Amino acid sequence: MIASFLLALSFASLSSGQDLSCRQCRGGNRKCIGDVALQAISDEDCAQCTKSGSHWTWPCSVDGLCWCWDSTKPRYKPAMSSGYEEAETKPCDIFTEKMFDVIAPNAVHPYTYEGLCDVIDSLNDKYDEKIFKMGTLDQQKNELA
């Protein structure tokens, strides 16, 4: 159960405020690339998505198939923005070790409470859209539930 949670967590992708559509993906360190997890696609296939009017043709017409990557950041597809402000309360201050132990009483490294909190903190340090750390305290609790 914990392993599947961590796997889902890794796919949750965490936003860096990047343009997922590639429409504004021009200049600097930005490059429109393909999401090979969704379909066999090359970065070259997605290069056309930066051109005006290309959003009507494949692959640009398939939501999320191509996304704008800032090459100064890890190559992880960012999450869509939640529209919420970053919360001050850290996720592991809400989801306690006692709660974790109820769900996974026999957890072993690396799938421990400490390991989970380390992964969440590490990913949240890298992206603008945080895991379990956006919005009000109630919204955070709902996301964790």
C-alpha atoms as a PDB file:
ATOM      1  CA  MET A   1       0.000   0.000   0.000  1.00  0.00           C
ATOM      2  CA  ILE A   2       2.765   2.423   0.923  1.00  0.00           C
ATOM      3  CA  ALA A   3       4.707   1.477  -2.206  1.00  0.00           C
ATOM      4  CA  SER A   4       1.709   2.292  -4.409  1.00  0.00           C
ATOM      5  CA  PHE A   5       1.216   5.553  -2.506  1.00  0.00           C
ATOM      6  CA  LEU A   6       4.835   6.538  -3.120  1.00  0.00           C
ATOM      7  CA  LEU A   7       4.534   5.552  -6.760  1.00  0.00           C
ATOM      8  CA  ALA A   8       1.424   7.699  -7.101  1.00  0.00           C
ATOM      9  CA  LEU A   9       3.263  10.461  -5.298  1.00  0.00           C
ATOM     10  CA  SER A  10       6.088  10.323  -7.806  1.00  0.00           C
ATOM     11  CA  PHE A  11       3.602  10.636 -10.667  1.00  0.00           C
ATOM     12  CA  ALA A  12       1.767  13.464  -8.962  1.00  0.00           C
ATOM     13  CA  SER A  13       4.285  15.716 -10.396  1.00  0.00           C
ATOM     14  CA  LEU A  14       4.806  18.780  -8.884  1.00  0.00           C
ATOM     15  CA  SER A  15       4.473  22.081 -10.570  1.00  0.00           C
ATOM     16  CA  SER A  16       7.124  24.507 -11.475  1.00  0.00           C
ATOM     17  CA  GLY A  17       4.693  26.963 -12.977  1.00  0.00           C
ATOM     18  CA  GLN A  18       5.585  25.675 -16.441  1.00  0.00           C
ATOM     19  CA  ASP A  19       3.304  26.060 -19.442  1.00  0.00           C
ATOM     20  CA  LEU A  20       1.931  22.588 -20.071  1.00  0.00           C
ATOM     21  CA  SER A  21       0.483  23.545 -23.456  1.00  0.00           C
ATOM     22  CA  CYS A  22       3.757  24.764 -25.035  1.00  0.00           C
ATOM     23  CA  ARG A  23       1.988  27.798 -26.508  1.00  0.00           C
ATOM     24  CA  GLN A  24       4.302  30.157 -24.615  1.00  0.00           C
ATOM     25  CA  CYS A  25       7.306  27.833 -24.736  1.00  0.00           C
ATOM     26  CA  ARG A  26       9.822  29.997 -26.565  1.00  0.00           C
ATOM     27  CA  GLY A  27      13.299  31.191 -25.792  1.00  0.00           C
ATOM     28  CA  GLY A  28      15.730  30.763 -22.977  1.00  0.00           C
ATOM     29  CA  ASN A  29      15.916  27.340 -21.414  1.00  0.00           C
ATOM     30  CA  ARG A  30      12.387  26.310 -22.430  1.00  0.00           C
ATOM     31  CA  LYS A  31      11.725  23.433 -24.808  1.00  0.00           C
ATOM     32  CA  CYS A  32       8.475  21.736 -25.818  1.00  0.00           C
ATOM     33  CA  ILE A  33       8.886  18.012 -25.169  1.00  0.00           C
ATOM     34  CA  GLY A  34       6.767  14.865 -25.321  1.00  0.00           C
ATOM     35  CA  ASP A  35       5.359  12.863 -22.431  1.00  0.00           C
ATOM     36  CA  VAL A  36       6.451   9.335 -23.327  1.00  0.00           C
ATOM     37  CA  ALA A  37       4.472   7.985 -20.356  1.00  0.00           C
ATOM     38  CA  LEU A  38       1.273   8.794 -22.251  1.00  0.00           C
ATOM     39  CA  GLN A  39       2.247   7.735 -25.771  1.00  0.00           C
ATOM     40  CA  ALA A  40       5.257   6.927 -27.932  1.00  0.00           C
ATOM     41  CA  ILE A  41       6.262  10.435 -28.913  1.00  0.00           C
ATOM     42  CA  SER A  42       9.512  12.251 -29.521  1.00  0.00           C
ATOM     43  CA  ASP A  43      10.536  15.726 -28.490  1.00  0.00           C
ATOM     44  CA  GLU A  44      10.805  16.509 -32.192  1.00  0.00           C
ATOM     45  CA  ASP A  45       7.096  15.660 -32.603  1.00  0.00           C
ATOM     46  CA  CYS A  46       6.264  18.295 -29.984  1.00  0.00           C
ATOM     47  CA  ALA A  47       8.546  21.004 -31.364  1.00  0.00           C
ATOM     48  CA  GLN A  48       5.758  22.171 -33.714  1.00  0.00           C
ATOM     49  CA  CYS A  49       3.500  22.962 -30.727  1.00  0.00           C
ATOM     50  CA  THR A  50       5.263  26.287 -30.182  1.00  0.00           C
ATOM     51  CA  LYS A  51       3.953  27.549 -33.536  1.00  0.00           C
ATOM     52  CA  SER A  52       0.764  29.573 -33.804  1.00  0.00           C
ATOM     53  CA  GLY A  53      -2.307  27.513 -34.699  1.00  0.00           C
ATOM     54  CA  SER A  54      -0.593  24.187 -34.028  1.00  0.00           C
ATOM     55  CA  HIS A  55      -2.882  23.420 -31.070  1.00  0.00           C
ATOM     56  CA  TRP A  56      -5.387  21.956 -33.538  1.00  0.00           C
ATOM     57  CA  THR A  57      -3.037  19.248 -34.847  1.00  0.00           C
ATOM     58  CA  TRP A  58      -1.464  16.126 -33.323  1.00  0.00           C
ATOM     59  CA  PRO A  59       0.327  15.933 -30.958  1.00  0.00           C
ATOM     60  CA  CYS A  60      -0.484  19.455 -29.785  1.00  0.00           C
ATOM     61  CA  SER A  61      -4.229  18.747 -29.821  1.00  0.00           C
ATOM     62  CA  VAL A  62      -3.877  15.977 -27.218  1.00  0.00           C
ATOM     63  CA  ASP A  63      -4.068  17.539 -23.761  1.00  0.00           C
ATOM     64  CA  GLY A  64      -0.865  16.901 -21.810  1.00  0.00           C
ATOM     65  CA  LEU A  65       0.951  14.971 -24.533  1.00  0.00           C
ATOM     66  CA  CYS A  66       3.463  17.779 -24.984  1.00  0.00           C
ATOM     67  CA  TRP A  67       4.639  20.125 -22.266  1.00  0.00           C
ATOM     68  CA  CYS A  68       7.040  23.005 -21.837  1.00  0.00           C
ATOM     69  CA  TRP A  69      10.162  22.001 -19.955  1.00  0.00           C
ATOM     70  CA  ASP A  70      12.520  24.467 -18.306  1.00  0.00           C
ATOM     71  CA  SER A  71      15.830  22.690 -18.863  1.00  0.00           C
ATOM     72  CA  THR A  72      17.280  24.234 -15.701  1.00  0.00           C
ATOM     73  CA  LYS A  73      14.862  22.045 -13.689  1.00  0.00           C
ATOM     74  CA  PRO A  74      14.491  18.265 -13.408  1.00  0.00           C
ATOM     75  CA  ARG A  75      12.699  16.691 -16.359  1.00  0.00           C
ATOM     76  CA  TYR A  76       9.525  15.845 -14.479  1.00  0.00           C
ATOM     77  CA  LYS A  77       6.217  16.878 -15.905  1.00  0.00           C
ATOM     78  CA  PRO A  78       4.786  19.506 -13.563  1.00  0.00           C
ATOM     79  CA  ALA A  79       1.336  19.280 -12.093  1.00  0.00           C
ATOM     80  CA  MET A  80      -1.351  21.617 -13.250  1.00  0.00           C
ATOM     81  CA  SER A  81      -1.642  24.611 -10.952  1.00  0.00           C
ATOM     82  CA  SER A  82      -4.207  24.202  -8.199  1.00  0.00           C
ATOM     83  CA  GLY A  83      -4.677  27.941  -7.999  1.00  0.00           C
ATOM     84  CA  TYR A  84      -4.038  27.797  -4.243  1.00  0.00           C
ATOM     85  CA  GLU A  85      -1.380  29.654  -2.332  1.00  0.00           C
ATOM     86  CA  GLU A  86       1.403  27.671  -0.690  1.00  0.00           C
ATOM     87  CA  ALA A  87       0.460  26.676   2.840  1.00  0.00           C
ATOM     88  CA  GLU A  88       2.701  27.300   5.811  1.00  0.00           C
ATOM     89  CA  THR A  89       1.997  23.950   7.482  1.00  0.00           C
ATOM     90  CA  LYS A  90       4.246  21.136   6.287  1.00  0.00           C
ATOM     91  CA  PRO A  91       2.426  17.953   5.209  1.00  0.00           C
ATOM     92  CA  CYS A  92       4.105  15.781   7.843  1.00  0.00           C
ATOM     93  CA  ASP A  93       2.956  18.163  10.568  1.00  0.00           C
ATOM     94  CA  ILE A  94      -0.596  17.170   9.551  1.00  0.00           C
ATOM     95  CA  PHE A  95      -0.066  13.524   8.615  1.00  0.00           C
ATOM     96  CA  THR A  96       1.689  12.298  11.751  1.00  0.00           C
ATOM     97  CA  GLU A  97       3.863   9.267  12.348  1.00  0.00           C
ATOM     98  CA  LYS A  98       1.106   7.852  14.544  1.00  0.00           C
ATOM     99  CA  MET A  99      -1.334   8.042  11.599  1.00  0.00           C
ATOM    100  CA  PHE A 100       1.258   6.490   9.289  1.00  0.00           C
ATOM    101  CA  ASP A 101       1.825   3.595  11.701  1.00  0.00           C
ATOM    102  CA  VAL A 102      -1.897   2.768  11.659  1.00  0.00           C
ATOM    103  CA  ILE A 103      -1.764   2.413   7.874  1.00  0.00           C
ATOM    104  CA  ALA A 104       1.663   0.754   7.652  1.00  0.00           C
ATOM    105  CA  PRO A 105       2.592  -0.736  11.022  1.00  0.00           C
ATOM    106  CA  ASN A 106       5.353  -2.921   9.540  1.00  0.00           C
ATOM    107  CA  ALA A 107       6.871  -0.420   7.125  1.00  0.00           C
ATOM    108  CA  VAL A 108      10.567  -0.879   6.384  1.00  0.00           C
ATOM    109  CA  HIS A 109      13.130   1.404   4.819  1.00  0.00           C
ATOM    110  CA  PRO A 110      12.724   3.203   2.458  1.00  0.00           C
ATOM    111  CA  TYR A 111       8.932   3.065   2.883  1.00  0.00           C
ATOM    112  CA  THR A 112       8.947   4.519   6.393  1.00  0.00           C
ATOM    113  CA  TYR A 113       7.304   7.658   7.726  1.00  0.00           C
ATOM    114  CA  GLU A 114      10.662   9.406   7.665  1.00  0.00           C
ATOM    115  CA  GLY A 115      11.218   8.271   4.077  1.00  0.00           C
ATOM    116  CA  LEU A 116       7.794   9.544   3.032  1.00  0.00           C
ATOM    117  CA  CYS A 117       8.362  12.936   4.665  1.00  0.00           C
ATOM    118  CA  ASP A 118      11.839  13.201   3.092  1.00  0.00           C
ATOM    119  CA  VAL A 119      10.419  12.544  -0.396  1.00  0.00           C
ATOM    120  CA  ILE A 120       7.592  15.042   0.066  1.00  0.00           C
ATOM    121  CA  ASP A 121       9.978  17.737   1.350  1.00  0.00           C
ATOM    122  CA  SER A 122      12.503  17.052  -1.406  1.00  0.00           C
ATOM    123  CA  LEU A 123       9.930  17.344  -4.171  1.00  0.00           C
ATOM    124  CA  ASN A 124       8.320  20.395  -2.606  1.00  0.00           C
ATOM    125  CA  ASP A 125      11.718  22.109  -2.580  1.00  0.00           C
ATOM    126  CA  LYS A 126      11.949  21.682  -6.361  1.00  0.00           C
ATOM    127  CA  TYR A 127       8.535  22.843  -7.567  1.00  0.00           C
ATOM    128  CA  ASP A 128       6.107  25.730  -7.187  1.00  0.00           C
ATOM    129  CA  GLU A 129       3.037  23.470  -6.911  1.00  0.00           C
ATOM    130  CA  LYS A 130       3.546  21.505  -3.716  1.00  0.00           C
ATOM    131  CA  ILE A 131       2.384  18.034  -2.691  1.00  0.00           C
ATOM    132  CA  PHE A 132      -0.064  18.286   0.222  1.00  0.00           C
ATOM    133  CA  LYS A 133       1.098  21.866   0.870  1.00  0.00           C
ATOM    134  CA  MET A 134      -1.302  24.111  -1.040  1.00  0.00           C
ATOM    135  CA  GLY A 135      -4.323  26.027   0.206  1.00  0.00           C
ATOM    136  CA  THR A 136      -5.905  26.181   3.628  1.00  0.00           C
ATOM    137  CA  LEU A 137      -5.331  23.659   6.389  1.00  0.00           C
ATOM    138  CA  ASP A 138      -8.680  22.047   5.553  1.00  0.00           C
ATOM    139  CA  GLN A 139      -7.707  21.796   1.873  1.00  0.00           C
ATOM    140  CA  GLN A 140      -4.413  20.179   2.850  1.00  0.00           C
ATOM    141  CA  LYS A 141      -6.231  17.667   5.050  1.00  0.00           C
ATOM    142  CA  ASN A 142      -8.647  16.869   2.206  1.00  0.00           C
ATOM    143  CA  GLU A 143      -5.765  16.260  -0.174  1.00  0.00           C
ATOM    144  CA  LEU A 144      -4.089  13.966   2.327  1.00  0.00           C
ATOM    145  CA  ALA A 145      -7.318  12.038   2.942  1.00  0.00           C
END
